[in-house]
Amino acid sequence: GGYESASRHFNPADVEVDVAGRSFLVTGANSGIGKATAKEIARRGGTVHLVCRNKERAEVAKEEIVTETGNQNIFLHIVDISNPKEIWKFAEKFQNEHKLNVLINNAGCMVNNRELTEDGLEKNFATNTLGTYIMTTALLPLLEKAADARVITVSSGGMLVQKLNISDLQSGSGPFDGTMVYAQNKRQQVVLTEQWAKAHRNIHFSVMHPGWADTPAVRSSMPDFYERMKNSLRTEAQGADTVLWLAVSAEATKLPSGLFFQDRQPVPTHLPLAYTHSPPEDEEKLMQMLEEFSQKFKSVSPG
């Protein structure tokens, strides 16, 4: 019932806005929170770019969004967020063809066994951390040119149990626990957001916990949790509410850049006495390591 009690304090007018003429990019937009967010933005007249990995499912999602909202300005891009070369290529093309006001980093995965991508990257890290880093970094020049530019990253409250660990970004040592690797990636997203907020003052950055929602991802990657909790999980639209609020409301940008949100409120990024704080040099080092990783996959275009 967390959403019900929190939503009593929401101001419905915050999200009753017309965003026609503004351009939004949502990764992982063919199901769950990504699709619910894209649909709500489309209802408000925004131009929505859906970035998805699976072409068939993405086309079905696009069709549903267009039909339900009557908004024809819905564009589809097929990109695998676990593939850094693909993201760079996509971003380069996108910058030449479109404008962008709001980037929503929603794509994510929780793979329970250690799997490597074709580039030899651990799958969770490649998608959740490096993919988010490259997509954002590659589109920053476009966002810098935009009015009221925003970047929202969908993290998870699971990150509260993890302290940033930069010594083993790809979880290569010790036993592999997919849930903890995911939580570590989500902690990394919080750090990225805080670091970007310091470095790019004219873009508003935020990161958020959607609450535990009944999404295909939760059903497939956390089946035991889902079975126990299915009657009390949020709907996809409830999970997407704060993403939408951060993306369209004027209220969101009155708050400082770089904060972590739940139910339209900034909340602490550490639990009391949890010893999850990390030294600033570790946070800076994370940025440096991700920059080095990302450059390895950036092809130099001729001329």
C-alpha atoms as a PDB file:
ATOM      1  CA  GLY A   1       0.000   0.000   0.000  1.00  0.00           C
ATOM      2  CA  GLY A   2       3.018   2.315  -0.179  1.00  0.00           C
ATOM      3  CA  TYR A   3       1.871   3.885  -3.416  1.00  0.00           C
ATOM      4  CA  GLU A   4      -1.682   4.497  -2.182  1.00  0.00           C
ATOM      5  CA  SER A   5      -0.514   6.343   0.927  1.00  0.00           C
ATOM      6  CA  ALA A   6       2.167   8.326  -0.932  1.00  0.00           C
ATOM      7  CA  SER A   7      -0.159   9.308  -3.774  1.00  0.00           C
ATOM      8  CA  ARG A   8      -2.544  11.063  -1.372  1.00  0.00           C
ATOM      9  CA  HIS A   9       0.060  13.822  -1.212  1.00  0.00           C
ATOM     10  CA  PHE A  10       0.573  14.085  -4.983  1.00  0.00           C
ATOM     11  CA  ASN A  11      -0.619  17.132  -6.853  1.00  0.00           C
ATOM     12  CA  PRO A  12      -2.334  15.743  -9.989  1.00  0.00           C
ATOM     13  CA  ALA A  13      -1.731  19.065 -11.777  1.00  0.00           C
ATOM     14  CA  ASP A  14       2.031  18.400 -11.711  1.00  0.00           C
ATOM     15  CA  VAL A  15       1.709  15.855 -14.507  1.00  0.00           C
ATOM     16  CA  GLU A  16      -1.289  17.347 -16.313  1.00  0.00           C
ATOM     17  CA  VAL A  17       0.947  19.108 -18.787  1.00  0.00           C
ATOM     18  CA  ASP A  18       1.159  19.399 -22.540  1.00  0.00           C
ATOM     19  CA  VAL A  19       4.626  18.405 -23.751  1.00  0.00           C
ATOM     20  CA  ALA A  20       3.989  18.737 -27.491  1.00  0.00           C
ATOM     21  CA  GLY A  21       7.188  19.783 -29.263  1.00  0.00           C
ATOM     22  CA  ARG A  22       9.415  18.151 -26.646  1.00  0.00           C
ATOM     23  CA  SER A  23      11.393  15.037 -27.477  1.00  0.00           C
ATOM     24  CA  PHE A  24      11.821  12.073 -25.088  1.00  0.00           C
ATOM     25  CA  LEU A  25      13.965   8.974 -25.470  1.00  0.00           C
ATOM     26  CA  VAL A  26      13.044   5.918 -23.374  1.00  0.00           C
ATOM     27  CA  THR A  27      15.282   2.839 -23.288  1.00  0.00           C
ATOM     28  CA  GLY A  28      13.711  -0.561 -22.628  1.00  0.00           C
ATOM     29  CA  ALA A  29      10.389   0.854 -23.754  1.00  0.00           C
ATOM     30  CA  ASN A  30       8.600  -2.235 -25.027  1.00  0.00           C
ATOM     31  CA  SER A  31       7.330  -3.491 -21.649  1.00  0.00           C
ATOM     32  CA  GLY A  32       6.978  -2.730 -17.961  1.00  0.00           C
ATOM     33  CA  ILE A  33       7.833   0.683 -16.576  1.00  0.00           C
ATOM     34  CA  GLY A  34       9.460   1.838 -19.830  1.00  0.00           C
ATOM     35  CA  LYS A  35       6.333   1.203 -21.878  1.00  0.00           C
ATOM     36  CA  ALA A  36       4.044   2.697 -19.212  1.00  0.00           C
ATOM     37  CA  THR A  37       6.207   5.851 -19.148  1.00  0.00           C
ATOM     38  CA  ALA A  38       6.347   6.140 -22.946  1.00  0.00           C
ATOM     39  CA  LYS A  39       2.556   5.794 -23.140  1.00  0.00           C
ATOM     40  CA  GLU A  40       1.935   8.543 -20.576  1.00  0.00           C
ATOM     41  CA  ILE A  41       4.346  10.910 -22.329  1.00  0.00           C
ATOM     42  CA  ALA A  42       2.652  10.136 -25.662  1.00  0.00           C
ATOM     43  CA  ARG A  43      -0.756  10.946 -24.118  1.00  0.00           C
ATOM     44  CA  ARG A  44       0.619  14.385 -23.248  1.00  0.00           C
ATOM     45  CA  GLY A  45       1.690  15.060 -26.823  1.00  0.00           C
ATOM     46  CA  GLY A  46       5.432  14.411 -26.530  1.00  0.00           C
ATOM     47  CA  THR A  47       7.544  12.991 -29.352  1.00  0.00           C
ATOM     48  CA  VAL A  48       8.719   9.620 -28.027  1.00  0.00           C
ATOM     49  CA  HIS A  49      11.700   7.599 -29.206  1.00  0.00           C
ATOM     50  CA  LEU A  50      11.436   3.985 -28.070  1.00  0.00           C
ATOM     51  CA  VAL A  51      14.817   2.275 -27.812  1.00  0.00           C
ATOM     52  CA  CYS A  52      14.330  -1.490 -27.627  1.00  0.00           C
ATOM     53  CA  ARG A  53      16.287  -4.667 -28.234  1.00  0.00           C
ATOM     54  CA  ASN A  54      13.571  -6.963 -29.569  1.00  0.00           C
ATOM     55  CA  LYS A  55      12.110  -5.757 -32.882  1.00  0.00           C
ATOM     56  CA  GLU A  56       8.912  -7.830 -32.807  1.00  0.00           C
ATOM     57  CA  ARG A  57       7.944  -6.904 -29.246  1.00  0.00           C
ATOM     58  CA  ALA A  58       8.919  -3.284 -29.857  1.00  0.00           C
ATOM     59  CA  GLU A  59       6.667  -3.004 -32.918  1.00  0.00           C
ATOM     60  CA  VAL A  60       3.729  -4.378 -30.929  1.00  0.00           C
ATOM     61  CA  ALA A  61       4.430  -1.850 -28.129  1.00  0.00           C
ATOM     62  CA  LYS A  62       4.701   1.040 -30.589  1.00  0.00           C
ATOM     63  CA  GLU A  63       1.410   0.067 -32.234  1.00  0.00           C
ATOM     64  CA  GLU A  64      -0.301  -0.102 -28.838  1.00  0.00           C
ATOM     65  CA  ILE A  65       1.025   3.331 -27.805  1.00  0.00           C
ATOM     66  CA  VAL A  66      -0.046   4.969 -31.081  1.00  0.00           C
ATOM     67  CA  THR A  67      -3.506   3.330 -30.955  1.00  0.00           C
ATOM     68  CA  GLU A  68      -4.183   4.151 -27.312  1.00  0.00           C
ATOM     69  CA  THR A  69      -2.901   7.728 -27.364  1.00  0.00           C
ATOM     70  CA  GLY A  70      -3.599   8.831 -30.933  1.00  0.00           C
ATOM     71  CA  ASN A  71      -0.064  10.268 -30.987  1.00  0.00           C
ATOM     72  CA  GLN A  72       1.701   9.513 -34.294  1.00  0.00           C
ATOM     73  CA  ASN A  73       5.073  10.935 -33.184  1.00  0.00           C
ATOM     74  CA  ILE A  74       6.350   7.646 -31.838  1.00  0.00           C
ATOM     75  CA  PHE A  75       9.641   6.404 -33.286  1.00  0.00           C
ATOM     76  CA  LEU A  76      11.314   3.051 -32.883  1.00  0.00           C
ATOM     77  CA  HIS A  77      15.056   2.334 -32.677  1.00  0.00           C
ATOM     78  CA  ILE A  78      16.413  -1.197 -32.293  1.00  0.00           C
ATOM     79  CA  VAL A  79      19.483  -1.127 -30.044  1.00  0.00           C
ATOM     80  CA  ASP A  80      20.902  -3.697 -27.634  1.00  0.00           C
ATOM     81  CA  ILE A  81      21.927  -1.733 -24.536  1.00  0.00           C
ATOM     82  CA  SER A  82      24.378  -4.503 -23.565  1.00  0.00           C
ATOM     83  CA  ASN A  83      26.317  -3.806 -26.788  1.00  0.00           C
ATOM     84  CA  PRO A  84      28.468  -0.669 -26.384  1.00  0.00           C
ATOM     85  CA  LYS A  85      29.390  -0.405 -30.085  1.00  0.00           C
ATOM     86  CA  GLU A  86      25.701  -0.424 -31.030  1.00  0.00           C
ATOM     87  CA  ILE A  87      24.929   2.359 -28.545  1.00  0.00           C
ATOM     88  CA  TRP A  88      27.702   4.599 -29.877  1.00  0.00           C
ATOM     89  CA  LYS A  89      26.582   4.006 -33.457  1.00  0.00           C
ATOM     90  CA  PHE A  90      22.949   4.688 -32.587  1.00  0.00           C
ATOM     91  CA  ALA A  91      23.761   7.882 -30.654  1.00  0.00           C
ATOM     92  CA  GLU A  92      25.881   9.290 -33.453  1.00  0.00           C
ATOM     93  CA  LYS A  93      23.086   8.782 -35.991  1.00  0.00           C
ATOM     94  CA  PHE A  94      20.411  10.031 -33.579  1.00  0.00           C
ATOM     95  CA  GLN A  95      22.280  13.293 -32.947  1.00  0.00           C
ATOM     96  CA  ASN A  96      22.351  14.037 -36.654  1.00  0.00           C
ATOM     97  CA  GLU A  97      18.640  13.429 -37.161  1.00  0.00           C
ATOM     98  CA  HIS A  98      16.756  14.419 -34.000  1.00  0.00           C
ATOM     99  CA  LYS A  99      16.600  16.775 -31.083  1.00  0.00           C
ATOM    100  CA  LEU A 100      16.323  15.568 -27.497  1.00  0.00           C
ATOM    101  CA  ASN A 101      14.975  17.195 -24.341  1.00  0.00           C
ATOM    102  CA  VAL A 102      14.674  14.239 -21.988  1.00  0.00           C
ATOM    103  CA  LEU A 103      16.594  10.954 -21.770  1.00  0.00           C
ATOM    104  CA  ILE A 104      15.061   8.172 -19.661  1.00  0.00           C
ATOM    105  CA  ASN A 105      17.519   5.357 -18.906  1.00  0.00           C
ATOM    106  CA  ASN A 106      15.114   2.560 -18.080  1.00  0.00           C
ATOM    107  CA  ALA A 107      16.573  -0.522 -19.817  1.00  0.00           C
ATOM    108  CA  GLY A 108      18.032  -3.021 -17.394  1.00  0.00           C
ATOM    109  CA  CYS A 109      18.473  -6.704 -16.715  1.00  0.00           C
ATOM    110  CA  MET A 110      19.015  -9.081 -13.850  1.00  0.00           C
ATOM    111  CA  VAL A 111      20.825 -12.173 -15.086  1.00  0.00           C
ATOM    112  CA  ASN A 112      21.160 -14.699 -12.304  1.00  0.00           C
ATOM    113  CA  ASN A 113      24.195 -16.574 -13.657  1.00  0.00           C
ATOM    114  CA  ARG A 114      27.437 -14.989 -14.822  1.00  0.00           C
ATOM    115  CA  GLU A 115      27.035 -14.527 -18.580  1.00  0.00           C
ATOM    116  CA  LEU A 116      29.383 -12.703 -20.916  1.00  0.00           C
ATOM    117  CA  THR A 117      28.346 -10.641 -23.931  1.00  0.00           C
ATOM    118  CA  GLU A 118      30.080 -11.053 -27.298  1.00  0.00           C
ATOM    119  CA  ASP A 119      32.478  -8.285 -26.153  1.00  0.00           C
ATOM    120  CA  GLY A 120      33.454 -10.327 -23.084  1.00  0.00           C
ATOM    121  CA  LEU A 121      31.535  -8.063 -20.696  1.00  0.00           C
ATOM    122  CA  GLU A 122      29.485  -9.416 -17.793  1.00  0.00           C
ATOM    123  CA  LYS A 123      25.855  -9.043 -18.941  1.00  0.00           C
ATOM    124  CA  ASN A 124      24.388  -7.128 -15.960  1.00  0.00           C
ATOM    125  CA  PHE A 125      27.282  -4.667 -15.863  1.00  0.00           C
ATOM    126  CA  ALA A 126      27.205  -4.218 -19.658  1.00  0.00           C
ATOM    127  CA  THR A 127      23.486  -3.368 -19.641  1.00  0.00           C
ATOM    128  CA  ASN A 128      22.803  -1.603 -16.360  1.00  0.00           C
ATOM    129  CA  THR A 129      26.009   0.344 -15.823  1.00  0.00           C
ATOM    130  CA  LEU A 130      28.102   0.637 -18.972  1.00  0.00           C
ATOM    131  CA  GLY A 131      25.065   0.836 -21.278  1.00  0.00           C
ATOM    132  CA  THR A 132      23.546   3.617 -19.158  1.00  0.00           C
ATOM    133  CA  TYR A 133      26.892   5.407 -19.025  1.00  0.00           C
ATOM    134  CA  ILE A 134      27.481   5.293 -22.794  1.00  0.00           C
ATOM    135  CA  MET A 135      23.913   6.194 -23.779  1.00  0.00           C
ATOM    136  CA  THR A 136      24.013   9.237 -21.505  1.00  0.00           C
ATOM    137  CA  THR A 137      27.561  10.332 -22.335  1.00  0.00           C
ATOM    138  CA  ALA A 138      26.964   9.963 -26.076  1.00  0.00           C
ATOM    139  CA  LEU A 139      23.782  12.062 -25.967  1.00  0.00           C
ATOM    140  CA  LEU A 140      25.052  14.787 -23.614  1.00  0.00           C
ATOM    141  CA  PRO A 141      26.060  17.105 -26.506  1.00  0.00           C
ATOM    142  CA  LEU A 142      22.491  16.950 -27.847  1.00  0.00           C
ATOM    143  CA  LEU A 143      20.979  17.504 -24.406  1.00  0.00           C
ATOM    144  CA  GLU A 144      23.322  20.444 -23.776  1.00  0.00           C
ATOM    145  CA  LYS A 145      21.631  22.249 -26.684  1.00  0.00           C
ATOM    146  CA  ALA A 146      18.095  21.620 -25.424  1.00  0.00           C
ATOM    147  CA  ALA A 147      15.762  23.744 -23.333  1.00  0.00           C
ATOM    148  CA  ASP A 148      14.952  22.269 -19.914  1.00  0.00           C
ATOM    149  CA  ALA A 149      17.043  19.143 -20.573  1.00  0.00           C
ATOM    150  CA  ARG A 150      16.650  16.240 -18.179  1.00  0.00           C
ATOM    151  CA  VAL A 151      18.149  12.782 -17.639  1.00  0.00           C
ATOM    152  CA  ILE A 152      16.247  10.283 -15.491  1.00  0.00           C
ATOM    153  CA  THR A 153      17.694   6.884 -14.592  1.00  0.00           C
ATOM    154  CA  VAL A 154      15.503   4.090 -13.253  1.00  0.00           C
ATOM    155  CA  SER A 155      17.433   2.499 -10.395  1.00  0.00           C
ATOM    156  CA  SER A 156      16.122   0.363  -7.539  1.00  0.00           C
ATOM    157  CA  GLY A 157      15.799   0.475  -3.781  1.00  0.00           C
ATOM    158  CA  GLY A 158      17.875  -2.707  -3.848  1.00  0.00           C
ATOM    159  CA  MET A 159      20.928  -0.472  -4.228  1.00  0.00           C
ATOM    160  CA  LEU A 160      20.565   0.523  -0.552  1.00  0.00           C
ATOM    161  CA  VAL A 161      22.158  -2.794   0.495  1.00  0.00           C
ATOM    162  CA  GLN A 162      25.293  -2.206  -1.586  1.00  0.00           C
ATOM    163  CA  LYS A 163      28.375  -0.062  -1.079  1.00  0.00           C
ATOM    164  CA  LEU A 164      30.080   0.999  -4.316  1.00  0.00           C
ATOM    165  CA  ASN A 165      32.709  -1.596  -5.206  1.00  0.00           C
ATOM    166  CA  ILE A 166      35.077  -0.540  -7.975  1.00  0.00           C
ATOM    167  CA  SER A 167      37.516  -3.420  -7.459  1.00  0.00           C
ATOM    168  CA  ASP A 168      35.406  -5.983  -9.330  1.00  0.00           C
ATOM    169  CA  LEU A 169      33.075  -4.217 -11.778  1.00  0.00           C
ATOM    170  CA  GLN A 170      32.415  -7.391 -13.726  1.00  0.00           C
ATOM    171  CA  SER A 171      31.846  -9.682 -10.751  1.00  0.00           C
ATOM    172  CA  GLY A 172      34.615 -12.046 -11.795  1.00  0.00           C
ATOM    173  CA  SER A 173      35.797 -13.104  -8.343  1.00  0.00           C
ATOM    174  CA  GLY A 174      33.944 -15.058  -5.683  1.00  0.00           C
ATOM    175  CA  PRO A 175      30.504 -16.672  -5.972  1.00  0.00           C
ATOM    176  CA  PHE A 176      28.097 -14.913  -8.372  1.00  0.00           C
ATOM    177  CA  ASP A 177      24.811 -13.649  -6.957  1.00  0.00           C
ATOM    178  CA  GLY A 178      22.701 -12.010  -9.685  1.00  0.00           C
ATOM    179  CA  THR A 179      20.502 -10.105  -7.218  1.00  0.00           C
ATOM    180  CA  MET A 180      23.523  -8.546  -5.495  1.00  0.00           C
ATOM    181  CA  VAL A 181      25.249  -7.784  -8.812  1.00  0.00           C
ATOM    182  CA  TYR A 182      22.073  -6.002  -9.932  1.00  0.00           C
ATOM    183  CA  ALA A 183      21.944  -4.059  -6.647  1.00  0.00           C
ATOM    184  CA  GLN A 184      25.592  -3.050  -7.116  1.00  0.00           C
ATOM    185  CA  ASN A 185      24.823  -1.834 -10.673  1.00  0.00           C
ATOM    186  CA  LYS A 186      21.914   0.174  -9.286  1.00  0.00           C
ATOM    187  CA  ARG A 187      24.227   1.752  -6.676  1.00  0.00           C
ATOM    188  CA  GLN A 188      26.592   2.616  -9.540  1.00  0.00           C
ATOM    189  CA  GLN A 189      23.706   4.384 -11.343  1.00  0.00           C
ATOM    190  CA  VAL A 190      23.124   6.562  -8.267  1.00  0.00           C
ATOM    191  CA  VAL A 191      26.814   7.511  -8.224  1.00  0.00           C
ATOM    192  CA  LEU A 192      26.756   8.256 -11.986  1.00  0.00           C
ATOM    193  CA  THR A 193      23.780  10.567 -11.510  1.00  0.00           C
ATOM    194  CA  GLU A 194      25.485  12.473  -8.680  1.00  0.00           C
ATOM    195  CA  GLN A 195      28.693  12.827 -10.687  1.00  0.00           C
ATOM    196  CA  TRP A 196      26.922  13.965 -13.872  1.00  0.00           C
ATOM    197  CA  ALA A 197      24.910  16.511 -11.899  1.00  0.00           C
ATOM    198  CA  LYS A 198      28.163  18.104 -10.704  1.00  0.00           C
ATOM    199  CA  ALA A 199      29.720  18.152 -14.164  1.00  0.00           C
ATOM    200  CA  HIS A 200      26.765  19.290 -16.315  1.00  0.00           C
ATOM    201  CA  ARG A 201      25.008  22.156 -14.604  1.00  0.00           C
ATOM    202  CA  ASN A 202      22.510  22.990 -17.334  1.00  0.00           C
ATOM    203  CA  ILE A 203      20.971  19.491 -17.451  1.00  0.00           C
ATOM    204  CA  HIS A 204      18.752  18.248 -14.615  1.00  0.00           C
ATOM    205  CA  PHE A 205      19.740  14.715 -13.528  1.00  0.00           C
ATOM    206  CA  SER A 206      17.734  12.419 -11.292  1.00  0.00           C
ATOM    207  CA  VAL A 207      17.639   8.743 -10.373  1.00  0.00           C
ATOM    208  CA  MET A 208      14.700   6.914  -8.848  1.00  0.00           C
ATOM    209  CA  HIS A 209      13.259   3.777  -7.252  1.00  0.00           C
ATOM    210  CA  PRO A 210       9.931   2.840  -8.882  1.00  0.00           C
ATOM    211  CA  GLY A 211       8.833   0.737  -5.912  1.00  0.00           C
ATOM    212  CA  TRP A 212       8.326  -3.000  -6.495  1.00  0.00           C
ATOM    213  CA  ALA A 213       6.059  -3.265  -9.515  1.00  0.00           C
ATOM    214  CA  ASP A 214       4.429  -6.185 -11.299  1.00  0.00           C
ATOM    215  CA  THR A 215       6.532  -6.111 -14.468  1.00  0.00           C
ATOM    216  CA  PRO A 216       7.682  -8.885 -16.837  1.00  0.00           C
ATOM    217  CA  ALA A 217      11.248  -8.322 -15.577  1.00  0.00           C
ATOM    218  CA  VAL A 218      10.307  -8.928 -11.943  1.00  0.00           C
ATOM    219  CA  ARG A 219       8.276 -12.020 -12.900  1.00  0.00           C
ATOM    220  CA  SER A 220      11.114 -13.578 -14.915  1.00  0.00           C
ATOM    221  CA  SER A 221      14.190 -12.642 -12.887  1.00  0.00           C
ATOM    222  CA  MET A 222      12.747 -12.787  -9.351  1.00  0.00           C
ATOM    223  CA  PRO A 223      10.123 -15.582  -9.534  1.00  0.00           C
ATOM    224  CA  ASP A 224      10.202 -16.445  -5.802  1.00  0.00           C
ATOM    225  CA  PHE A 225       9.880 -12.807  -4.768  1.00  0.00           C
ATOM    226  CA  TYR A 226       7.067 -12.399  -7.303  1.00  0.00           C
ATOM    227  CA  GLU A 227       5.124 -15.402  -5.969  1.00  0.00           C
ATOM    228  CA  ARG A 228       5.367 -14.108  -2.393  1.00  0.00           C
ATOM    229  CA  MET A 229       4.571 -10.489  -3.220  1.00  0.00           C
ATOM    230  CA  LYS A 230       2.340 -10.588  -6.306  1.00  0.00           C
ATOM    231  CA  ASN A 231      -0.765  -9.394  -4.466  1.00  0.00           C
ATOM    232  CA  SER A 232       0.935  -6.314  -3.085  1.00  0.00           C
ATOM    233  CA  LEU A 233       3.082  -5.213  -6.040  1.00  0.00           C
ATOM    234  CA  ARG A 234       2.447  -1.905  -7.772  1.00  0.00           C
ATOM    235  CA  THR A 235       0.994  -1.742 -11.265  1.00  0.00           C
ATOM    236  CA  GLU A 236       3.332  -0.760 -14.094  1.00  0.00           C
ATOM    237  CA  ALA A 237       1.679   2.666 -14.258  1.00  0.00           C
ATOM    238  CA  GLN A 238       2.238   3.211 -10.519  1.00  0.00           C
ATOM    239  CA  GLY A 239       5.872   2.168 -10.940  1.00  0.00           C
ATOM    240  CA  ALA A 240       6.196   4.660 -13.789  1.00  0.00           C
ATOM    241  CA  ASP A 241       4.544   7.557 -11.935  1.00  0.00           C
ATOM    242  CA  THR A 242       7.716   9.120 -10.534  1.00  0.00           C
ATOM    243  CA  VAL A 243       9.552   8.660 -13.858  1.00  0.00           C
ATOM    244  CA  LEU A 244       6.749  10.582 -15.575  1.00  0.00           C
ATOM    245  CA  TRP A 245       6.745  13.245 -12.856  1.00  0.00           C
ATOM    246  CA  LEU A 246      10.525  13.714 -13.182  1.00  0.00           C
ATOM    247  CA  ALA A 247      10.237  13.849 -16.988  1.00  0.00           C
ATOM    248  CA  VAL A 248       7.369  16.318 -17.430  1.00  0.00           C
ATOM    249  CA  SER A 249       6.594  18.307 -14.279  1.00  0.00           C
ATOM    250  CA  ALA A 250       7.866  21.807 -13.593  1.00  0.00           C
ATOM    251  CA  GLU A 251       8.105  20.857  -9.896  1.00  0.00           C
ATOM    252  CA  ALA A 252      10.852  18.264 -10.440  1.00  0.00           C
ATOM    253  CA  THR A 253      13.402  20.746 -11.724  1.00  0.00           C
ATOM    254  CA  LYS A 254      12.838  23.103  -8.787  1.00  0.00           C
ATOM    255  CA  LEU A 255      14.728  20.504  -6.726  1.00  0.00           C
ATOM    256  CA  PRO A 256      18.517  20.187  -7.002  1.00  0.00           C
ATOM    257  CA  SER A 257      20.009  18.021  -9.738  1.00  0.00           C
ATOM    258  CA  GLY A 258      21.485  14.641  -8.779  1.00  0.00           C
ATOM    259  CA  LEU A 259      18.923  13.441  -6.214  1.00  0.00           C
ATOM    260  CA  PHE A 260      17.394   9.979  -5.668  1.00  0.00           C
ATOM    261  CA  PHE A 261      13.576   9.858  -5.706  1.00  0.00           C
ATOM    262  CA  GLN A 262      10.767   7.622  -4.607  1.00  0.00           C
ATOM    263  CA  ASP A 263       7.090   8.580  -4.907  1.00  0.00           C
ATOM    264  CA  ARG A 264       7.914  12.092  -6.198  1.00  0.00           C
ATOM    265  CA  GLN A 265      10.084  12.830  -3.132  1.00  0.00           C
ATOM    266  CA  PRO A 266      13.865  12.967  -2.765  1.00  0.00           C
ATOM    267  CA  VAL A 267      14.925  10.175  -0.385  1.00  0.00           C
ATOM    268  CA  PRO A 268      18.312   9.294   1.180  1.00  0.00           C
ATOM    269  CA  THR A 269      20.701   7.148  -0.856  1.00  0.00           C
ATOM    270  CA  HIS A 270      21.991   5.366   2.261  1.00  0.00           C
ATOM    271  CA  LEU A 271      20.210   3.621   5.107  1.00  0.00           C
ATOM    272  CA  PRO A 272      21.183   4.724   8.648  1.00  0.00           C
ATOM    273  CA  LEU A 273      24.187   2.760   9.957  1.00  0.00           C
ATOM    274  CA  ALA A 274      24.448   0.732   6.750  1.00  0.00           C
ATOM    275  CA  TYR A 275      28.084   1.727   6.078  1.00  0.00           C
ATOM    276  CA  THR A 276      27.421   2.030   2.362  1.00  0.00           C
ATOM    277  CA  HIS A 277      29.079   5.445   1.915  1.00  0.00           C
ATOM    278  CA  SER A 278      32.139   5.369  -0.322  1.00  0.00           C
ATOM    279  CA  PRO A 279      35.048   7.808  -0.494  1.00  0.00           C
ATOM    280  CA  PRO A 280      34.772  10.516  -3.210  1.00  0.00           C
ATOM    281  CA  GLU A 281      37.898   9.177  -4.896  1.00  0.00           C
ATOM    282  CA  ASP A 282      36.148   5.823  -5.494  1.00  0.00           C
ATOM    283  CA  GLU A 283      33.239   7.634  -7.134  1.00  0.00           C
ATOM    284  CA  GLU A 284      35.582   9.617  -9.367  1.00  0.00           C
ATOM    285  CA  LYS A 285      37.501   6.445 -10.156  1.00  0.00           C
ATOM    286  CA  LEU A 286      34.257   4.729 -11.260  1.00  0.00           C
ATOM    287  CA  MET A 287      33.672   7.534 -13.799  1.00  0.00           C
ATOM    288  CA  GLN A 288      37.226   7.233 -15.051  1.00  0.00           C
ATOM    289  CA  MET A 289      36.972   3.432 -15.436  1.00  0.00           C
ATOM    290  CA  LEU A 290      33.673   3.662 -17.306  1.00  0.00           C
ATOM    291  CA  GLU A 291      35.097   6.344 -19.584  1.00  0.00           C
ATOM    292  CA  GLU A 292      38.037   4.068 -20.413  1.00  0.00           C
ATOM    293  CA  PHE A 293      35.705   1.120 -21.052  1.00  0.00           C
ATOM    294  CA  SER A 294      33.414   3.213 -23.227  1.00  0.00           C
ATOM    295  CA  GLN A 295      36.214   4.620 -25.387  1.00  0.00           C
ATOM    296  CA  LYS A 296      37.373   1.102 -26.258  1.00  0.00           C
ATOM    297  CA  PHE A 297      34.100   0.550 -28.093  1.00  0.00           C
ATOM    298  CA  LYS A 298      33.840   3.902 -29.818  1.00  0.00           C
ATOM    299  CA  SER A 299      34.711   3.515 -33.482  1.00  0.00           C
ATOM    300  CA  VAL A 300      36.430   6.493 -35.034  1.00  0.00           C
ATOM    301  CA  SER A 301      34.344   7.554 -37.985  1.00  0.00           C
ATOM    302  CA  PRO A 302      36.369   8.525 -41.054  1.00  0.00           C
ATOM    303  CA  GLY A 303      37.248  12.210 -41.327  1.00  0.00           C
END
